[in-house]
Protein backbone atom coordinates (compact mmCIF):
# COMPACT_ATOMS: atom_id res chain seq x y z
CA MET A 1 -51.16 -11.80 -53.86
CA LYS A 2 -48.47 -14.47 -53.66
CA LEU A 3 -44.88 -13.51 -54.54
CA GLU A 4 -41.89 -15.77 -55.19
CA ILE A 5 -38.37 -14.54 -55.96
CA LEU A 6 -36.07 -17.26 -57.30
CA THR A 7 -32.42 -17.41 -58.39
CA PRO A 8 -30.67 -20.42 -59.95
CA GLU A 9 -29.21 -21.20 -56.51
CA GLN A 10 -32.11 -20.61 -54.09
CA LYS A 11 -35.53 -19.26 -53.26
CA ILE A 12 -35.01 -15.69 -51.96
CA PHE A 13 -38.59 -14.91 -50.92
CA SER A 14 -41.98 -16.60 -50.83
CA GLY A 15 -45.10 -15.20 -49.23
CA ASP A 16 -48.24 -13.10 -49.43
CA VAL A 17 -47.70 -9.41 -50.19
CA TYR A 18 -49.65 -6.26 -51.03
CA GLY A 19 -47.58 -5.71 -54.20
CA VAL A 20 -44.12 -5.49 -55.73
CA GLN A 21 -42.17 -2.76 -57.59
CA LEU A 22 -39.90 -4.06 -60.34
CA PRO A 23 -37.17 -2.56 -62.60
CA GLY A 24 -38.51 -3.31 -66.09
CA ILE A 25 -36.44 -2.84 -69.23
CA SER A 26 -38.42 0.32 -70.08
CA GLY A 27 -38.67 1.58 -66.50
CA LEU A 28 -40.01 0.91 -63.03
CA PHE A 29 -43.47 -0.68 -62.74
CA GLU A 30 -45.67 -2.05 -59.96
CA VAL A 31 -47.77 -5.20 -59.70
CA LEU A 32 -50.61 -5.20 -57.18
CA ASP A 33 -53.28 -7.68 -56.04
CA LYS A 34 -55.36 -9.19 -58.88
CA HIS A 35 -53.10 -7.76 -61.64
CA ALA A 36 -53.76 -8.86 -65.21
CA PRO A 37 -51.55 -11.67 -66.58
CA LEU A 38 -48.12 -10.36 -67.58
CA VAL A 39 -44.63 -11.49 -68.61
CA SER A 40 -41.84 -8.91 -68.59
CA ALA A 41 -38.05 -8.75 -68.81
CA LEU A 42 -36.26 -7.13 -65.87
CA LYS A 43 -33.00 -5.20 -65.78
CA ALA A 44 -30.59 -4.96 -62.86
CA GLY A 45 -31.89 -2.61 -60.19
CA ASP A 46 -33.97 -2.39 -57.03
CA LEU A 47 -36.96 -4.63 -56.38
CA LYS A 48 -39.25 -3.45 -53.60
CA ILE A 49 -41.67 -5.80 -51.85
CA LEU A 50 -44.74 -3.98 -50.53
CA GLN A 51 -45.68 -5.99 -47.42
CA ASP A 52 -48.65 -3.63 -46.92
CA LYS A 53 -49.32 0.03 -47.75
CA ILE A 54 -46.54 1.18 -45.35
CA ASN A 55 -43.90 -1.57 -44.80
CA THR A 56 -41.45 -2.52 -47.57
CA THR A 57 -38.44 -4.78 -48.09
CA SER A 58 -35.87 -4.09 -50.82
CA TYR A 59 -33.55 -6.32 -52.84
CA SER A 60 -30.87 -5.45 -55.35
CA ILE A 61 -31.44 -7.78 -58.30
CA GLU A 62 -29.64 -8.75 -61.47
CA SER A 63 -31.50 -9.15 -64.76
CA GLY A 64 -34.30 -11.66 -65.20
CA PHE A 65 -38.02 -12.06 -65.83
CA VAL A 66 -41.34 -11.77 -64.01
CA GLU A 67 -44.53 -13.73 -64.70
CA VAL A 68 -47.86 -12.67 -63.21
CA LEU A 69 -50.67 -15.22 -63.44
CA ASN A 70 -53.65 -16.11 -61.22
CA ASN A 71 -52.75 -13.56 -58.53
CA LYS A 72 -49.20 -14.92 -58.23
CA ALA A 73 -46.02 -13.10 -59.28
CA THR A 74 -42.94 -15.25 -59.95
CA VAL A 75 -39.66 -13.35 -60.30
CA LEU A 76 -36.76 -15.27 -61.86
CA VAL A 77 -33.42 -13.44 -61.60
CA GLU A 78 -29.72 -14.22 -61.97
CA GLY A 79 -29.00 -12.99 -58.45
CA ALA A 80 -30.47 -10.97 -55.59
CA LYS A 81 -29.19 -9.42 -52.34
CA ALA A 82 -31.22 -7.93 -49.50
CA LYS A 83 -30.64 -4.20 -49.05
């Protein structure tokens, strides 16, 4: 699936990934390839990009939203820093 992480200032990440773990308002959840359409609010916390089943990259994010549509996840957050 395609993943984009955007802040008001810049594009943090764009590329093909296995999945992504996100800090939802009600708790941590994961979006994988061919996930059903979804819009969710995000709280500040750790976002983990699953490059494949073994390799991951983590970011510390501020609050925001995620939209999943047509095998693409777009994460819009106030700020993000690589961990």
